[in-house]
Amino acid sequence: MKAKHPTPPAPLIRGETATPSPDAPQEIPLGDKGKVAPATFAIGRDGEGLKFLPYDKCLTALARENRHNPTPAETLLWQKVLRGKQFEHYKFLRQKPIGDYIVYFYCAEFRLVIEIDGDSHAEQLDYDAQRTLFLNGLGLQVIRNFNRDVLHELPVLYDNLLTHLPSPNHEQ
């Protein structure tokens, strides 16, 4: 019987070395959807740790499909604000799997998640609250915006996002 080899970790950013954290679990259970990518720990050039977030591998194809079929609000926010480091030169990822969820936008540098909410009913509000609690538990800050605000109040939304960035004199 052949031994099963673990999946190799994600590529590292130039100048980083992979060193497992003694505290980090090797695999984080996220439900019964599928296998979970192992949590890993890397040391950056400045010596600070960058924790790679766990995610359900089964969501990768769905996230890719979502990127090819965005909502109008997602397209507008991506094209006008977040794509290509337009927003204050910070890199955002679109349709990023984290845990059992796929978030609309994610900035690793600030551990910031930006979500776009449609018309909500009680069940959706409960789901969004659970999702936010999970993401907060990973140390992520979640900013929720309504579709109508993205579509009709983009300058106000932009200014609101600026308030969530560290001031130039303070690093987060």
Protein backbone atom coordinates (compact mmCIF):
# COMPACT_ATOMS: atom_id res chain seq x y z
CA MET A 1 0.00 0.00 0.00
CA LYS A 2 1.41 3.40 -1.00
CA ALA A 3 1.79 6.10 1.60
CA LYS A 4 -0.32 9.14 0.88
CA HIS A 5 1.79 12.28 0.48
CA PRO A 6 0.48 15.57 1.87
CA THR A 7 -0.38 18.35 -0.54
CA PRO A 8 2.53 20.77 -0.88
CA PRO A 9 2.00 24.17 0.74
CA ALA A 10 1.18 27.28 -1.26
CA PRO A 11 4.14 29.05 -2.87
CA LEU A 12 5.93 31.48 -0.61
CA ILE A 13 6.47 35.14 -1.30
CA ARG A 14 10.06 35.94 -2.29
CA GLY A 15 12.29 36.05 0.79
CA GLU A 16 10.11 33.87 3.02
CA THR A 17 10.87 30.49 4.46
CA ALA A 18 8.31 27.93 5.54
CA THR A 19 8.56 26.94 9.17
CA PRO A 20 5.69 25.19 10.89
CA SER A 21 4.40 26.88 14.00
CA PRO A 22 4.51 24.54 16.99
CA ASP A 23 1.09 25.84 18.04
CA ALA A 24 -0.60 25.54 14.63
CA PRO A 25 -2.69 22.43 14.05
CA GLN A 26 -1.76 20.47 10.96
CA GLU A 27 -5.33 20.30 9.74
CA ILE A 28 -8.30 22.39 10.77
CA PRO A 29 -11.73 20.72 10.54
CA LEU A 30 -14.18 22.94 8.69
CA GLY A 31 -17.16 20.70 8.25
CA ASP A 32 -17.96 17.76 6.02
CA LYS A 33 -17.64 19.45 2.61
CA GLY A 34 -14.21 18.10 1.82
CA LYS A 35 -10.55 18.15 2.65
CA VAL A 36 -9.12 21.22 4.23
CA ALA A 37 -5.86 22.85 3.29
CA PRO A 38 -3.43 22.61 6.20
CA ALA A 39 -2.72 25.73 8.20
CA THR A 40 0.88 26.78 7.68
CA PHE A 41 3.06 29.50 9.03
CA ALA A 42 5.71 31.46 7.16
CA ILE A 43 8.25 33.99 8.29
CA GLY A 44 8.47 37.13 6.18
CA ARG A 45 11.56 39.20 5.41
CA ASP A 46 10.83 41.53 8.30
CA GLY A 47 10.63 38.58 10.70
CA GLU A 48 6.88 38.84 11.22
CA GLY A 49 4.70 35.78 10.80
CA LEU A 50 2.15 35.46 8.03
CA LYS A 51 -0.50 32.87 8.76
CA PHE A 52 -2.05 31.28 5.71
CA LEU A 53 -5.77 30.87 6.22
CA PRO A 54 -7.41 27.43 6.17
CA TYR A 55 -9.92 26.78 3.40
CA ASP A 56 -12.08 24.01 2.01
CA LYS A 57 -10.36 22.80 -1.17
CA CYS A 58 -13.74 21.95 -2.69
CA LEU A 59 -14.54 25.68 -2.85
CA THR A 60 -11.67 26.55 -5.20
CA ALA A 61 -13.58 25.65 -8.38
CA LEU A 62 -16.70 27.48 -7.17
CA ALA A 63 -14.64 30.58 -6.35
CA ARG A 64 -13.15 30.49 -9.85
CA GLU A 65 -16.64 30.16 -11.34
CA ASN A 66 -17.83 33.10 -9.21
CA ARG A 67 -14.96 35.22 -10.52
CA HIS A 68 -16.15 34.49 -14.07
CA ASN A 69 -19.79 35.36 -13.19
CA PRO A 70 -19.69 38.39 -10.87
CA THR A 71 -22.68 40.37 -9.67
CA PRO A 72 -23.05 43.94 -11.00
CA ALA A 73 -22.06 45.37 -7.60
CA GLU A 74 -19.00 43.11 -7.40
CA THR A 75 -17.92 44.12 -10.91
CA LEU A 76 -18.26 47.82 -10.12
CA LEU A 77 -16.35 47.65 -6.82
CA TRP A 78 -13.62 45.50 -8.39
CA GLN A 79 -13.20 47.55 -11.59
CA LYS A 80 -13.46 51.04 -10.05
CA VAL A 81 -11.85 50.57 -6.62
CA LEU A 82 -9.99 47.35 -5.81
CA ARG A 83 -8.51 45.83 -8.97
CA GLY A 84 -4.80 46.17 -9.70
CA LYS A 85 -3.92 47.84 -6.39
CA GLN A 86 -6.06 50.89 -7.24
CA PHE A 87 -7.20 51.26 -3.63
CA GLU A 88 -4.27 52.99 -1.92
CA HIS A 89 -1.86 50.52 -3.60
CA TYR A 90 -3.12 47.52 -1.58
CA LYS A 91 -3.60 44.12 -3.15
CA PHE A 92 -7.07 42.59 -2.90
CA LEU A 93 -8.08 39.09 -3.94
CA ARG A 94 -11.54 38.46 -5.34
CA GLN A 95 -13.73 35.45 -4.43
CA LYS A 96 -11.24 34.08 -1.88
CA PRO A 97 -12.05 30.78 -0.13
CA ILE A 98 -11.59 31.06 3.64
CA GLY A 99 -12.81 28.22 5.82
CA ASP A 100 -16.17 26.97 4.55
CA TYR A 101 -16.91 30.33 2.91
CA ILE A 102 -15.97 32.33 -0.16
CA VAL A 103 -15.50 36.03 0.63
CA TYR A 104 -16.00 38.70 -2.01
CA PHE A 105 -12.70 40.54 -1.44
CA TYR A 106 -9.72 39.93 0.84
CA CYS A 107 -6.63 42.02 1.62
CA ALA A 108 -4.02 39.84 3.35
CA GLU A 109 -1.88 42.81 4.38
CA PHE A 110 -4.61 44.11 6.69
CA ARG A 111 -6.50 40.85 7.22
CA LEU A 112 -9.50 42.71 5.82
CA VAL A 113 -12.58 41.14 4.22
CA ILE A 114 -15.04 43.20 2.19
CA GLU A 115 -18.47 41.65 1.66
CA ILE A 116 -21.40 42.74 -0.51
CA ASP A 117 -24.85 41.88 0.83
CA GLY A 118 -27.97 41.65 -1.31
CA ASP A 119 -31.54 41.88 -0.09
CA SER A 120 -31.54 40.13 3.27
CA HIS A 121 -34.15 38.10 5.05
CA ALA A 122 -33.92 36.61 8.55
CA GLU A 123 -32.20 33.39 7.46
CA GLN A 124 -29.62 35.29 5.41
CA LEU A 125 -28.93 37.67 8.31
CA ASP A 126 -28.25 34.68 10.60
CA TYR A 127 -25.95 33.11 8.00
CA ASP A 128 -24.06 36.39 7.53
CA ALA A 129 -23.69 36.77 11.31
CA GLN A 130 -22.25 33.24 11.62
CA ARG A 131 -19.92 33.90 8.72
CA THR A 132 -18.71 37.17 10.26
CA LEU A 133 -18.13 35.48 13.64
CA PHE A 134 -16.07 32.75 11.96
CA LEU A 135 -13.97 35.27 10.02
CA ASN A 136 -13.50 37.44 13.13
CA GLY A 137 -12.36 34.31 14.96
CA LEU A 138 -9.53 34.01 12.43
CA GLY A 139 -8.49 37.56 13.25
CA LEU A 140 -10.08 39.08 10.15
CA GLN A 141 -11.94 42.39 10.09
CA VAL A 142 -15.15 42.21 8.05
CA ILE A 143 -16.73 45.21 6.32
CA ARG A 144 -20.24 44.61 4.99
CA ASN A 145 -21.75 46.75 2.24
CA PHE A 146 -25.16 46.57 0.62
CA ASN A 147 -25.53 46.11 -3.14
CA ARG A 148 -27.41 49.41 -3.44
CA ASP A 149 -24.59 51.30 -1.67
CA VAL A 150 -21.97 49.86 -4.01
CA LEU A 151 -24.08 50.66 -7.07
CA HIS A 152 -25.26 54.14 -6.04
CA GLU A 153 -22.91 55.47 -3.32
CA LEU A 154 -19.44 54.36 -4.43
CA PRO A 155 -17.60 57.56 -3.31
CA VAL A 156 -19.12 57.23 0.20
CA LEU A 157 -18.16 53.56 0.31
CA TYR A 158 -14.60 54.44 -0.79
CA ASP A 159 -14.28 56.98 2.03
CA ASN A 160 -15.63 54.41 4.50
CA LEU A 161 -13.00 51.89 3.38
CA LEU A 162 -10.27 54.49 3.94
CA THR A 163 -11.28 54.72 7.60
CA HIS A 164 -10.43 51.03 8.04
CA LEU A 165 -6.82 51.47 6.93
CA PRO A 166 -4.09 52.36 9.42
CA SER A 167 -3.07 56.01 9.51
CA PRO A 168 0.26 56.79 7.80
CA ASN A 169 1.90 57.34 11.21
CA HIS A 170 0.78 54.00 12.67
CA GLU A 171 1.32 50.52 11.33
CA GLN A 172 -1.32 47.90 12.02
